[in-house]
Structures are given as C-alpha cells and as structure tokens.
Amino acid sequence: MDGTLLDTESIGILAWIEAFGEHGILIDAATAALPIGHTMPQSQAIFKTALGVGPDYEIIQKRSLEIFGILAKRDGIPVKRGARRILSRLKSRGVSVGLATSTPREKALRQLDEVGLAEFFDAAVCGDDLAEHKPSPEVYREAVRRLGHVPSIEIWAVEDSANGIRSAHRAGLSVAFIPDIHSPDPEVESLATERHPHLDSLADRFGLGG
C-alpha cells in the first residue's frame, strides 16, 4: 500500500524529520526513509541501530504519528499514478485483488477508504494480522489464502520495497517492481519479474488501457 498505491512515504519522511528534530536529533531524508517497507517494531530497531536513540524513541515515534496525521489531514494523502485506474479496471473484469501491507489494519483500511480505494479489495492482510512480517513469505501466502486459494502461478504482487519483493518472491509469486523513494539494491531487484515506472505502465502491460 505505502509507496505503491499511496504516497504516504514522503509524508512519513517529513514526520520523522520533524519529530526527531523536536528532540534535538537532526536527521536527513535518507535516514528518515530507512524504515520504509518495515513494521513499527522493525522501524524501532532500524532507528536504534542508525542513530543510537534510546528510551525517548517511543515518544518520538508517537510524535511522528501525530505529525503524520496533521500533514495528511491538511494536505491529503496523494494516490500514486495509475492506482485508481488499474484497480477499477481489475475490478470491472472480475479479477481478485488482495492487499498485503505492513501497515496496521485500522490505519490501512481507513487511509484506503479516505481516498476511495478500499472498495477495490477482496481481501487484506495487514501488519497486525500475523506474527511474521515481510520479508517473510507468510504475508503473501495468507493473502493468497484469503483470495480463495488462487494458484500462485496466476498471481502477481506489486511492490516498491526490498522486504516486499523478498516476501512475494519467497511466496512463489511473480513480482512487478515499481520504484518509489527507497529502491532496493540490484540483488534484491533481480528477484522481481518485471520493473515498471508506475502503475499506468503496469496497466498497459496487462491490457488494461483505455
């Protein structure tokens, strides 16, 4: 979802920079982008390793979520190019669509509903649904199960993050990689089946134009 359907990553980067700054820790956009594609607990470990931040982390994290909410309410969350088009076309053709995201369920479904995309999904696996998270394949395996046991060979995952690519690849799915802010290294990217600049390109590849 984040970075693939919604441009939440750029808002998140601004929120982290401001939250850390309020606590006297100056970080740049590259550092703020480190947690992209990770769960909240994973993000905590990443920031503690990168910055050595201690007990104040929970306060900073809470503040970053508050700032994110303020920015999202003020400016709205942009929908990524081609997202509405490809989802509506898939829906009209009866193609099952699932969501596999590290974002907690309440937040994920609320954000999708706010931008008018929630109606397009037949199943959702969110960050608080399973004990294992991306890059574990269990996220995508559970998404496949909830779609009704569609054969894996018929399913494509659309991903922007390294952990997402690893997760989908390990689950035996074809992966369309669409780069966002934080691109994976070449070794991880090589696990993807195809690379596309945006969802409009992917829609054209599957004959969903018009």
C-alpha atoms as a PDB file:
ATOM      1  CA  MET A   1       0.000   0.000   0.000  1.00  0.00           C
ATOM      2  CA  ASP A   2       2.512   2.593   1.184  1.00  0.00           C
ATOM      3  CA  GLY A   3       4.625   3.752  -1.726  1.00  0.00           C
ATOM      4  CA  THR A   4       2.761   1.548  -4.189  1.00  0.00           C
ATOM      5  CA  LEU A   5      -0.836   2.806  -4.008  1.00  0.00           C
ATOM      6  CA  LEU A   6      -0.497   5.799  -1.705  1.00  0.00           C
ATOM      7  CA  ASP A   7       2.282   8.367  -1.480  1.00  0.00           C
ATOM      8  CA  THR A   8       2.484   8.072   2.293  1.00  0.00           C
ATOM      9  CA  GLU A   9       6.249   7.620   2.299  1.00  0.00           C
ATOM     10  CA  SER A  10       7.031  11.269   1.550  1.00  0.00           C
ATOM     11  CA  ILE A  11       4.691  12.362   4.361  1.00  0.00           C
ATOM     12  CA  GLY A  12       6.276   9.855   6.716  1.00  0.00           C
ATOM     13  CA  ILE A  13       9.751  11.180   5.967  1.00  0.00           C
ATOM     14  CA  LEU A  14       8.685  14.725   6.838  1.00  0.00           C
ATOM     15  CA  ALA A  15       7.029  13.489  10.032  1.00  0.00           C
ATOM     16  CA  TRP A  16      10.124  11.601  11.191  1.00  0.00           C
ATOM     17  CA  ILE A  17      12.422  14.556  10.461  1.00  0.00           C
ATOM     18  CA  GLU A  18      10.216  16.923  12.455  1.00  0.00           C
ATOM     19  CA  ALA A  19       9.648  14.502  15.342  1.00  0.00           C
ATOM     20  CA  PHE A  20      13.344  13.754  15.759  1.00  0.00           C
ATOM     21  CA  GLY A  21      14.148  17.456  15.363  1.00  0.00           C
ATOM     22  CA  GLU A  22      11.833  18.349  18.241  1.00  0.00           C
ATOM     23  CA  HIS A  23      14.003  16.100  20.403  1.00  0.00           C
ATOM     24  CA  GLY A  24      17.253  17.643  19.246  1.00  0.00           C
ATOM     25  CA  ILE A  25      18.171  14.887  16.791  1.00  0.00           C
ATOM     26  CA  LEU A  26      18.768  16.162  13.269  1.00  0.00           C
ATOM     27  CA  ILE A  27      18.278  13.593  10.511  1.00  0.00           C
ATOM     28  CA  ASP A  28      18.180  13.882   6.742  1.00  0.00           C
ATOM     29  CA  ALA A  29      15.620  12.465   4.327  1.00  0.00           C
ATOM     30  CA  ALA A  30      17.755   9.401   3.575  1.00  0.00           C
ATOM     31  CA  THR A  31      17.847   8.437   7.264  1.00  0.00           C
ATOM     32  CA  ALA A  32      14.137   9.149   7.675  1.00  0.00           C
ATOM     33  CA  ALA A  33      13.469   6.818   4.745  1.00  0.00           C
ATOM     34  CA  LEU A  34      15.244   3.833   6.326  1.00  0.00           C
ATOM     35  CA  PRO A  35      12.058   2.303   7.839  1.00  0.00           C
ATOM     36  CA  ILE A  36      10.212   2.221   4.500  1.00  0.00           C
ATOM     37  CA  GLY A  37       8.697  -1.215   3.964  1.00  0.00           C
ATOM     38  CA  HIS A  38       9.051  -2.216   7.626  1.00  0.00           C
ATOM     39  CA  THR A  39       6.674  -2.632  10.567  1.00  0.00           C
ATOM     40  CA  MET A  40       6.744  -0.319  13.582  1.00  0.00           C
ATOM     41  CA  PRO A  41       8.869  -2.718  15.712  1.00  0.00           C
ATOM     42  CA  GLN A  42      11.282  -3.188  12.804  1.00  0.00           C
ATOM     43  CA  SER A  43      11.487   0.589  12.373  1.00  0.00           C
ATOM     44  CA  GLN A  44      12.405   0.983  16.020  1.00  0.00           C
ATOM     45  CA  ALA A  45      15.302  -1.442  15.638  1.00  0.00           C
ATOM     46  CA  ILE A  46      16.464   0.331  12.481  1.00  0.00           C
ATOM     47  CA  PHE A  47      16.498   3.769  14.085  1.00  0.00           C
ATOM     48  CA  LYS A  48      18.180   2.495  17.251  1.00  0.00           C
ATOM     49  CA  THR A  49      20.944   0.978  15.139  1.00  0.00           C
ATOM     50  CA  ALA A  50      21.331   4.001  12.878  1.00  0.00           C
ATOM     51  CA  LEU A  51      21.019   6.733  15.493  1.00  0.00           C
ATOM     52  CA  GLY A  52      21.607   5.075  18.837  1.00  0.00           C
ATOM     53  CA  VAL A  53      18.357   6.590  20.064  1.00  0.00           C
ATOM     54  CA  GLY A  54      17.375   5.297  23.491  1.00  0.00           C
ATOM     55  CA  PRO A  55      14.301   5.449  25.746  1.00  0.00           C
ATOM     56  CA  ASP A  56      12.959   8.558  24.006  1.00  0.00           C
ATOM     57  CA  TYR A  57      12.213   6.549  20.867  1.00  0.00           C
ATOM     58  CA  GLU A  58       8.644   5.666  21.851  1.00  0.00           C
ATOM     59  CA  ILE A  59       7.899   9.350  22.452  1.00  0.00           C
ATOM     60  CA  ILE A  60       9.456  10.308  19.119  1.00  0.00           C
ATOM     61  CA  GLN A  61       7.531   7.591  17.310  1.00  0.00           C
ATOM     62  CA  LYS A  62       4.242   8.714  18.850  1.00  0.00           C
ATOM     63  CA  ARG A  63       5.006  12.304  17.880  1.00  0.00           C
ATOM     64  CA  SER A  64       5.839  11.270  14.298  1.00  0.00           C
ATOM     65  CA  LEU A  65       2.423   9.614  14.009  1.00  0.00           C
ATOM     66  CA  GLU A  66       0.769  12.772  15.315  1.00  0.00           C
ATOM     67  CA  ILE A  67       2.649  14.909  12.789  1.00  0.00           C
ATOM     68  CA  PHE A  68       1.801  12.451  10.012  1.00  0.00           C
ATOM     69  CA  GLY A  69      -1.881  12.763  10.896  1.00  0.00           C
ATOM     70  CA  ILE A  70      -1.690  16.549  10.875  1.00  0.00           C
ATOM     71  CA  LEU A  71       0.022  16.655   7.486  1.00  0.00           C
ATOM     72  CA  ALA A  72      -2.289  14.045   5.965  1.00  0.00           C
ATOM     73  CA  LYS A  73      -5.389  15.882   7.197  1.00  0.00           C
ATOM     74  CA  ARG A  74      -4.097  19.231   5.993  1.00  0.00           C
ATOM     75  CA  ASP A  75      -2.827  18.181   2.575  1.00  0.00           C
ATOM     76  CA  GLY A  76      -4.484  14.799   1.987  1.00  0.00           C
ATOM     77  CA  ILE A  77      -2.687  11.594   1.029  1.00  0.00           C
ATOM     78  CA  PRO A  78      -1.828  11.555  -2.686  1.00  0.00           C
ATOM     79  CA  VAL A  79      -2.792   8.462  -4.665  1.00  0.00           C
ATOM     80  CA  LYS A  80       0.034   7.093  -6.790  1.00  0.00           C
ATOM     81  CA  ARG A  81      -0.155   7.493 -10.543  1.00  0.00           C
ATOM     82  CA  GLY A  82      -2.328   4.807 -12.133  1.00  0.00           C
ATOM     83  CA  ALA A  83      -3.571   3.288  -8.860  1.00  0.00           C
ATOM     84  CA  ARG A  84      -7.235   4.146  -9.295  1.00  0.00           C
ATOM     85  CA  ARG A  85      -7.170   3.194 -12.969  1.00  0.00           C
ATOM     86  CA  ILE A  86      -5.630  -0.242 -12.549  1.00  0.00           C
ATOM     87  CA  LEU A  87      -7.748  -1.158  -9.524  1.00  0.00           C
ATOM     88  CA  SER A  88     -11.008  -0.104 -11.168  1.00  0.00           C
ATOM     89  CA  ARG A  89     -10.149  -1.968 -14.375  1.00  0.00           C
ATOM     90  CA  LEU A  90      -9.264  -5.145 -12.495  1.00  0.00           C
ATOM     91  CA  LYS A  91     -12.498  -4.885 -10.516  1.00  0.00           C
ATOM     92  CA  SER A  92     -14.585  -4.415 -13.663  1.00  0.00           C
ATOM     93  CA  ARG A  93     -13.038  -7.539 -15.179  1.00  0.00           C
ATOM     94  CA  GLY A  94     -13.676  -9.668 -12.106  1.00  0.00           C
ATOM     95  CA  VAL A  95     -10.010 -10.071 -11.177  1.00  0.00           C
ATOM     96  CA  SER A  96      -9.476 -10.698  -7.462  1.00  0.00           C
ATOM     97  CA  VAL A  97      -7.300  -8.118  -5.732  1.00  0.00           C
ATOM     98  CA  GLY A  98      -5.691  -8.511  -2.320  1.00  0.00           C
ATOM     99  CA  LEU A  99      -3.786  -6.155  -0.049  1.00  0.00           C
ATOM    100  CA  ALA A 100      -0.552  -7.248   1.654  1.00  0.00           C
ATOM    101  CA  THR A 101       0.799  -4.408   3.790  1.00  0.00           C
ATOM    102  CA  SER A 102       2.971  -3.835   6.856  1.00  0.00           C
ATOM    103  CA  THR A 103       0.629  -1.033   7.965  1.00  0.00           C
ATOM    104  CA  PRO A 104      -1.739  -1.903  10.869  1.00  0.00           C
ATOM    105  CA  ARG A 105      -5.240  -2.834   9.730  1.00  0.00           C
ATOM    106  CA  GLU A 106      -7.167   0.096  11.190  1.00  0.00           C
ATOM    107  CA  LYS A 107      -4.813   2.638   9.683  1.00  0.00           C
ATOM    108  CA  ALA A 108      -4.513   0.877   6.318  1.00  0.00           C
ATOM    109  CA  LEU A 109      -8.240   0.458   5.732  1.00  0.00           C
ATOM    110  CA  ARG A 110      -9.010   3.952   6.966  1.00  0.00           C
ATOM    111  CA  GLN A 111      -6.496   5.525   4.600  1.00  0.00           C
ATOM    112  CA  LEU A 112      -7.728   3.474   1.640  1.00  0.00           C
ATOM    113  CA  ASP A 113     -11.305   4.405   2.464  1.00  0.00           C
ATOM    114  CA  GLU A 114     -10.432   8.095   2.716  1.00  0.00           C
ATOM    115  CA  VAL A 115      -9.019   8.110  -0.829  1.00  0.00           C
ATOM    116  CA  GLY A 116     -11.776   5.906  -2.256  1.00  0.00           C
ATOM    117  CA  LEU A 117      -9.732   2.759  -2.891  1.00  0.00           C
ATOM    118  CA  ALA A 118     -10.981   0.408  -0.165  1.00  0.00           C
ATOM    119  CA  GLU A 119     -13.850  -0.894  -2.309  1.00  0.00           C
ATOM    120  CA  PHE A 120     -11.471  -2.499  -4.798  1.00  0.00           C
ATOM    121  CA  PHE A 121     -10.017  -5.117  -2.446  1.00  0.00           C
ATOM    122  CA  ASP A 122     -11.383  -8.615  -1.950  1.00  0.00           C
ATOM    123  CA  ALA A 123      -9.016  -9.464   0.913  1.00  0.00           C
ATOM    124  CA  ALA A 124      -6.448  -7.740   3.111  1.00  0.00           C
ATOM    125  CA  VAL A 125      -3.525  -8.899   5.225  1.00  0.00           C
ATOM    126  CA  CYS A 126      -2.169  -6.087   7.402  1.00  0.00           C
ATOM    127  CA  GLY A 127       0.757  -5.534   9.717  1.00  0.00           C
ATOM    128  CA  ASP A 128      -1.046  -6.624  12.878  1.00  0.00           C
ATOM    129  CA  ASP A 129      -2.714  -9.711  11.384  1.00  0.00           C
ATOM    130  CA  LEU A 130       0.259 -12.092  11.572  1.00  0.00           C
ATOM    131  CA  ALA A 131       3.211 -12.725  13.855  1.00  0.00           C
ATOM    132  CA  GLU A 132       5.546 -12.834  10.854  1.00  0.00           C
ATOM    133  CA  HIS A 133       6.032  -9.830   8.608  1.00  0.00           C
ATOM    134  CA  LYS A 134       7.722  -9.005   5.324  1.00  0.00           C
ATOM    135  CA  PRO A 135      10.243 -10.261   4.187  1.00  0.00           C
ATOM    136  CA  SER A 136       8.613 -13.460   5.480  1.00  0.00           C
ATOM    137  CA  PRO A 137       6.551 -15.110   2.715  1.00  0.00           C
ATOM    138  CA  GLU A 138       3.700 -15.728   5.174  1.00  0.00           C
ATOM    139  CA  VAL A 139       2.184 -12.313   4.454  1.00  0.00           C
ATOM    140  CA  TYR A 140       1.655 -13.140   0.798  1.00  0.00           C
ATOM    141  CA  ARG A 141       0.764 -16.758   1.460  1.00  0.00           C
ATOM    142  CA  GLU A 142      -2.013 -15.593   3.768  1.00  0.00           C
ATOM    143  CA  ALA A 143      -3.172 -13.057   1.176  1.00  0.00           C
ATOM    144  CA  VAL A 144      -3.363 -15.853  -1.400  1.00  0.00           C
ATOM    145  CA  ARG A 145      -5.338 -17.992   1.046  1.00  0.00           C
ATOM    146  CA  ARG A 146      -7.819 -15.200   1.689  1.00  0.00           C
ATOM    147  CA  LEU A 147      -8.316 -14.714  -2.039  1.00  0.00           C
ATOM    148  CA  GLY A 148      -9.628 -18.264  -2.204  1.00  0.00           C
ATOM    149  CA  HIS A 149      -6.591 -20.391  -2.976  1.00  0.00           C
ATOM    150  CA  VAL A 150      -5.948 -18.949  -6.415  1.00  0.00           C
ATOM    151  CA  PRO A 151      -2.904 -20.817  -7.806  1.00  0.00           C
ATOM    152  CA  SER A 152       0.261 -18.861  -7.027  1.00  0.00           C
ATOM    153  CA  ILE A 153       1.342 -19.051 -10.653  1.00  0.00           C
ATOM    154  CA  GLU A 154      -1.659 -16.868 -11.566  1.00  0.00           C
ATOM    155  CA  ILE A 155      -0.912 -14.150  -9.002  1.00  0.00           C
ATOM    156  CA  TRP A 156       1.187 -11.020  -9.373  1.00  0.00           C
ATOM    157  CA  ALA A 157       2.468  -8.995  -6.449  1.00  0.00           C
ATOM    158  CA  VAL A 158       3.119  -5.276  -6.965  1.00  0.00           C
ATOM    159  CA  GLU A 159       5.880  -3.953  -4.720  1.00  0.00           C
ATOM    160  CA  ASP A 160       8.087  -0.917  -4.135  1.00  0.00           C
ATOM    161  CA  SER A 161      10.236  -2.121  -1.221  1.00  0.00           C
ATOM    162  CA  ALA A 162      13.034  -4.643  -0.747  1.00  0.00           C
ATOM    163  CA  ASN A 163      11.181  -6.508   2.012  1.00  0.00           C
ATOM    164  CA  GLY A 164       8.057  -6.660  -0.124  1.00  0.00           C
ATOM    165  CA  ILE A 165       9.934  -8.068  -3.118  1.00  0.00           C
ATOM    166  CA  ARG A 166      11.589 -10.709  -0.931  1.00  0.00           C
ATOM    167  CA  SER A 167       8.267 -11.648   0.677  1.00  0.00           C
ATOM    168  CA  ALA A 168       6.400 -12.080  -2.606  1.00  0.00           C
ATOM    169  CA  HIS A 169       9.287 -13.894  -4.301  1.00  0.00           C
ATOM    170  CA  ARG A 170       9.617 -16.348  -1.418  1.00  0.00           C
ATOM    171  CA  ALA A 171       5.877 -16.987  -1.637  1.00  0.00           C
ATOM    172  CA  GLY A 172       6.347 -18.068  -5.256  1.00  0.00           C
ATOM    173  CA  LEU A 173       4.599 -15.088  -6.850  1.00  0.00           C
ATOM    174  CA  SER A 174       5.536 -13.075  -9.913  1.00  0.00           C
ATOM    175  CA  VAL A 175       6.602  -9.601  -8.790  1.00  0.00           C
ATOM    176  CA  ALA A 176       6.138  -6.286 -10.568  1.00  0.00           C
ATOM    177  CA  PHE A 177       8.567  -3.799  -9.055  1.00  0.00           C
ATOM    178  CA  ILE A 178       7.644  -0.110  -9.146  1.00  0.00           C
ATOM    179  CA  PRO A 179      10.383   2.030  -7.571  1.00  0.00           C
ATOM    180  CA  ASP A 180       9.487   4.656  -5.015  1.00  0.00           C
ATOM    181  CA  ILE A 181      11.643   6.720  -2.651  1.00  0.00           C
ATOM    182  CA  HIS A 182      13.849   3.938  -1.299  1.00  0.00           C
ATOM    183  CA  SER A 183      14.827   1.495  -4.069  1.00  0.00           C
ATOM    184  CA  PRO A 184      16.292  -1.914  -3.187  1.00  0.00           C
ATOM    185  CA  ASP A 185      19.804  -2.942  -4.159  1.00  0.00           C
ATOM    186  CA  PRO A 186      20.337  -4.679  -7.529  1.00  0.00           C
ATOM    187  CA  GLU A 187      20.481  -8.139  -5.947  1.00  0.00           C
ATOM    188  CA  VAL A 188      17.017  -7.758  -4.422  1.00  0.00           C
ATOM    189  CA  GLU A 189      15.613  -6.048  -7.501  1.00  0.00           C
ATOM    190  CA  SER A 190      16.751  -9.040  -9.582  1.00  0.00           C
ATOM    191  CA  LEU A 191      14.170 -11.137  -7.709  1.00  0.00           C
ATOM    192  CA  ALA A 192      11.393  -9.118  -9.364  1.00  0.00           C
ATOM    193  CA  THR A 193       9.873 -10.456 -12.559  1.00  0.00           C
ATOM    194  CA  GLU A 194       9.400  -7.037 -14.151  1.00  0.00           C
ATOM    195  CA  ARG A 195      10.154  -3.389 -13.431  1.00  0.00           C
ATOM    196  CA  HIS A 196       7.705  -0.600 -14.260  1.00  0.00           C
ATOM    197  CA  PRO A 197       7.996   3.164 -13.702  1.00  0.00           C
ATOM    198  CA  HIS A 198       4.413   3.491 -12.454  1.00  0.00           C
ATOM    199  CA  LEU A 199       1.077   1.681 -12.260  1.00  0.00           C
ATOM    200  CA  ASP A 200      -0.086   3.132 -15.584  1.00  0.00           C
ATOM    201  CA  SER A 201       2.743   1.209 -17.235  1.00  0.00           C
ATOM    202  CA  LEU A 202       1.705  -1.980 -15.444  1.00  0.00           C
ATOM    203  CA  ALA A 203      -1.918  -1.448 -16.517  1.00  0.00           C
ATOM    204  CA  ASP A 204      -0.804  -1.143 -20.141  1.00  0.00           C
ATOM    205  CA  ARG A 205       1.302  -4.311 -19.828  1.00  0.00           C
ATOM    206  CA  PHE A 206      -1.804  -6.275 -18.817  1.00  0.00           C
ATOM    207  CA  GLY A 207      -4.021  -4.707 -21.463  1.00  0.00           C
ATOM    208  CA  LEU A 208      -5.960  -2.564 -19.004  1.00  0.00           C
ATOM    209  CA  GLY A 209      -5.656   0.613 -21.058  1.00  0.00           C
ATOM    210  CA  GLY A 210      -8.314   2.961 -22.282  1.00  0.00           C
END
